[in-house]
Amino acid sequence: MMPRGERLRAENGDANVTGERLRQRRKELNITQIDMIQRIEVATGGLWSPALQDYKRLEGGRRTCLDIETVCLAKILNCSAGWLLGDAEPEPIITGTVPKAHSTDLREAS
């Protein structure tokens, strides 16, 4: 049992397990961090608008990633949330082209 006040960490000490795969998938799709932030803003209708430093901390494993953020990121990157969380799935799920920042709206996705 963890002492009171301690936070659960990944085996490598990171605050999340999504950062490495988030960075990997973003780079596979040739999306910059700035473009990723714009896509997040559009997809959430401005409800989540991370600063560049905050996004870098997320990818670097120095910031926790909420479950709803993981789902949003997976939809933007066209992969499963399970894969971002470290599932042994061999490759991200690719169902088509990655939408541009101006056309990504997760509020309408089911």
C-alpha atoms as a PDB file:
ATOM      1  CA  MET A   1       0.000   0.000   0.000  1.00  0.00           C
ATOM      2  CA  MET A   2       1.270   3.458  -0.890  1.00  0.00           C
ATOM      3  CA  PRO A   3       1.764   5.946   1.907  1.00  0.00           C
ATOM      4  CA  ARG A   4      -0.978   8.557   2.145  1.00  0.00           C
ATOM      5  CA  GLY A   5      -0.326  11.496  -0.172  1.00  0.00           C
ATOM      6  CA  GLU A   6       1.805   9.490  -2.627  1.00  0.00           C
ATOM      7  CA  ARG A   7       0.728   9.355  -6.253  1.00  0.00           C
ATOM      8  CA  LEU A   8       0.617   6.224  -8.321  1.00  0.00           C
ATOM      9  CA  ARG A   9       3.392   6.251 -10.934  1.00  0.00           C
ATOM     10  CA  ALA A  10       4.358   4.208 -13.969  1.00  0.00           C
ATOM     11  CA  GLU A  11       7.170   1.688 -13.539  1.00  0.00           C
ATOM     12  CA  ASN A  12       9.672   4.209 -14.910  1.00  0.00           C
ATOM     13  CA  GLY A  13       8.490   6.891 -12.471  1.00  0.00           C
ATOM     14  CA  ASP A  14       6.467   8.875 -15.016  1.00  0.00           C
ATOM     15  CA  ALA A  15       3.154  10.460 -14.030  1.00  0.00           C
ATOM     16  CA  ASN A  16       1.438   8.724 -16.959  1.00  0.00           C
ATOM     17  CA  VAL A  17       1.907   5.795 -19.316  1.00  0.00           C
ATOM     18  CA  THR A  18       0.452   7.579 -22.337  1.00  0.00           C
ATOM     19  CA  GLY A  19       3.227  10.102 -22.977  1.00  0.00           C
ATOM     20  CA  GLU A  20       5.609   7.877 -24.906  1.00  0.00           C
ATOM     21  CA  ARG A  21       2.919   6.468 -27.191  1.00  0.00           C
ATOM     22  CA  LEU A  22       1.287   9.869 -27.569  1.00  0.00           C
ATOM     23  CA  ARG A  23       4.578  11.265 -28.873  1.00  0.00           C
ATOM     24  CA  GLN A  24       5.173   8.184 -31.064  1.00  0.00           C
ATOM     25  CA  ARG A  25       1.770   8.329 -32.731  1.00  0.00           C
ATOM     26  CA  ARG A  26       1.879  12.119 -33.195  1.00  0.00           C
ATOM     27  CA  LYS A  27       5.239  11.822 -34.949  1.00  0.00           C
ATOM     28  CA  GLU A  28       4.020   8.908 -37.120  1.00  0.00           C
ATOM     29  CA  LEU A  29       1.276  11.209 -38.389  1.00  0.00           C
ATOM     30  CA  ASN A  30       3.685  14.149 -38.843  1.00  0.00           C
ATOM     31  CA  ILE A  31       1.693  16.343 -36.475  1.00  0.00           C
ATOM     32  CA  THR A  32       3.572  19.061 -34.586  1.00  0.00           C
ATOM     33  CA  GLN A  33       2.919  19.742 -30.925  1.00  0.00           C
ATOM     34  CA  ILE A  34       1.417  23.115 -31.859  1.00  0.00           C
ATOM     35  CA  ASP A  35      -0.927  21.451 -34.367  1.00  0.00           C
ATOM     36  CA  MET A  36      -1.858  18.863 -31.746  1.00  0.00           C
ATOM     37  CA  ILE A  37      -2.823  21.624 -29.310  1.00  0.00           C
ATOM     38  CA  GLN A  38      -4.975  23.259 -31.998  1.00  0.00           C
ATOM     39  CA  ARG A  39      -6.681  19.940 -32.722  1.00  0.00           C
ATOM     40  CA  ILE A  40      -7.369  19.453 -29.000  1.00  0.00           C
ATOM     41  CA  GLU A  41      -8.931  22.922 -28.755  1.00  0.00           C
ATOM     42  CA  VAL A  42     -11.155  22.341 -31.785  1.00  0.00           C
ATOM     43  CA  ALA A  43     -12.108  18.798 -30.780  1.00  0.00           C
ATOM     44  CA  THR A  44     -13.214  19.912 -27.320  1.00  0.00           C
ATOM     45  CA  GLY A  45     -14.863  23.136 -28.405  1.00  0.00           C
ATOM     46  CA  GLY A  46     -12.258  25.054 -26.426  1.00  0.00           C
ATOM     47  CA  LEU A  47     -13.009  23.237 -23.171  1.00  0.00           C
ATOM     48  CA  TRP A  48      -9.470  21.837 -23.115  1.00  0.00           C
ATOM     49  CA  SER A  49      -6.899  24.286 -24.378  1.00  0.00           C
ATOM     50  CA  PRO A  50      -3.493  23.177 -23.094  1.00  0.00           C
ATOM     51  CA  ALA A  51      -0.514  25.514 -23.185  1.00  0.00           C
ATOM     52  CA  LEU A  52       2.491  24.199 -25.110  1.00  0.00           C
ATOM     53  CA  GLN A  53       4.414  23.612 -21.874  1.00  0.00           C
ATOM     54  CA  ASP A  54       1.488  21.628 -20.434  1.00  0.00           C
ATOM     55  CA  TYR A  55       1.308  19.470 -23.564  1.00  0.00           C
ATOM     56  CA  LYS A  56       5.063  18.883 -23.458  1.00  0.00           C
ATOM     57  CA  ARG A  57       4.728  17.763 -19.831  1.00  0.00           C
ATOM     58  CA  LEU A  58       1.983  15.340 -20.895  1.00  0.00           C
ATOM     59  CA  GLU A  59       4.144  13.787 -23.620  1.00  0.00           C
ATOM     60  CA  GLY A  60       7.147  13.754 -21.307  1.00  0.00           C
ATOM     61  CA  GLY A  61       5.275  11.808 -18.623  1.00  0.00           C
ATOM     62  CA  ARG A  62       5.555  14.628 -16.084  1.00  0.00           C
ATOM     63  CA  ARG A  63       1.806  15.344 -15.994  1.00  0.00           C
ATOM     64  CA  THR A  64      -1.048  12.973 -15.321  1.00  0.00           C
ATOM     65  CA  CYS A  65      -3.474  12.309 -18.154  1.00  0.00           C
ATOM     66  CA  LEU A  66      -7.137  12.102 -17.237  1.00  0.00           C
ATOM     67  CA  ASP A  67      -9.213   9.330 -18.735  1.00  0.00           C
ATOM     68  CA  ILE A  68     -11.339  11.771 -20.723  1.00  0.00           C
ATOM     69  CA  GLU A  69      -8.173  13.407 -22.061  1.00  0.00           C
ATOM     70  CA  THR A  70      -6.867  10.009 -23.151  1.00  0.00           C
ATOM     71  CA  VAL A  71     -10.095   9.316 -25.046  1.00  0.00           C
ATOM     72  CA  CYS A  72      -9.901  12.735 -26.730  1.00  0.00           C
ATOM     73  CA  LEU A  73      -6.245  12.230 -27.699  1.00  0.00           C
ATOM     74  CA  ALA A  74      -6.978   8.756 -29.086  1.00  0.00           C
ATOM     75  CA  LYS A  75      -9.759  10.107 -31.305  1.00  0.00           C
ATOM     76  CA  ILE A  76      -7.550  12.917 -32.591  1.00  0.00           C
ATOM     77  CA  LEU A  77      -4.702  10.475 -33.290  1.00  0.00           C
ATOM     78  CA  ASN A  78      -7.041   7.859 -34.776  1.00  0.00           C
ATOM     79  CA  CYS A  79      -5.972   5.077 -32.429  1.00  0.00           C
ATOM     80  CA  SER A  80      -7.493   3.327 -29.447  1.00  0.00           C
ATOM     81  CA  ALA A  81      -7.325   4.735 -25.924  1.00  0.00           C
ATOM     82  CA  GLY A  82      -6.189   1.266 -24.861  1.00  0.00           C
ATOM     83  CA  TRP A  83      -3.186   1.495 -27.149  1.00  0.00           C
ATOM     84  CA  LEU A  84      -2.250   4.901 -25.712  1.00  0.00           C
ATOM     85  CA  LEU A  85      -2.498   3.325 -22.262  1.00  0.00           C
ATOM     86  CA  GLY A  86      -0.001   0.618 -23.167  1.00  0.00           C
ATOM     87  CA  ASP A  87      -2.187  -2.150 -24.557  1.00  0.00           C
ATOM     88  CA  ALA A  88      -0.204  -4.798 -26.396  1.00  0.00           C
ATOM     89  CA  GLU A  89      -2.199  -4.035 -29.548  1.00  0.00           C
ATOM     90  CA  PRO A  90       0.463  -4.201 -32.283  1.00  0.00           C
ATOM     91  CA  GLU A  91      -0.456  -0.985 -34.123  1.00  0.00           C
ATOM     92  CA  PRO A  92      -2.817   1.954 -33.654  1.00  0.00           C
ATOM     93  CA  ILE A  93      -6.196   1.549 -35.316  1.00  0.00           C
ATOM     94  CA  ILE A  94      -6.256   3.458 -38.579  1.00  0.00           C
ATOM     95  CA  THR A  95      -9.686   3.845 -40.137  1.00  0.00           C
ATOM     96  CA  GLY A  96      -9.011   6.688 -42.552  1.00  0.00           C
ATOM     97  CA  THR A  97      -7.250   9.976 -42.777  1.00  0.00           C
ATOM     98  CA  VAL A  98      -6.546  12.071 -39.722  1.00  0.00           C
ATOM     99  CA  PRO A  99      -8.901  15.044 -39.734  1.00  0.00           C
ATOM    100  CA  LYS A 100      -7.438  18.546 -39.873  1.00  0.00           C
ATOM    101  CA  ALA A 101      -7.709  20.749 -36.799  1.00  0.00           C
ATOM    102  CA  HIS A 102     -10.617  22.720 -38.247  1.00  0.00           C
ATOM    103  CA  SER A 103     -12.759  19.626 -38.888  1.00  0.00           C
ATOM    104  CA  THR A 104     -12.129  17.557 -35.739  1.00  0.00           C
ATOM    105  CA  ASP A 105     -15.108  17.770 -33.412  1.00  0.00           C
ATOM    106  CA  LEU A 106     -15.277  15.079 -30.741  1.00  0.00           C
ATOM    107  CA  ARG A 107     -18.426  16.546 -29.253  1.00  0.00           C
ATOM    108  CA  GLU A 108     -20.307  15.097 -32.216  1.00  0.00           C
ATOM    109  CA  ALA A 109     -18.456  11.752 -32.213  1.00  0.00           C
ATOM    110  CA  SER A 110     -20.049   8.793 -30.525  1.00  0.00           C
END
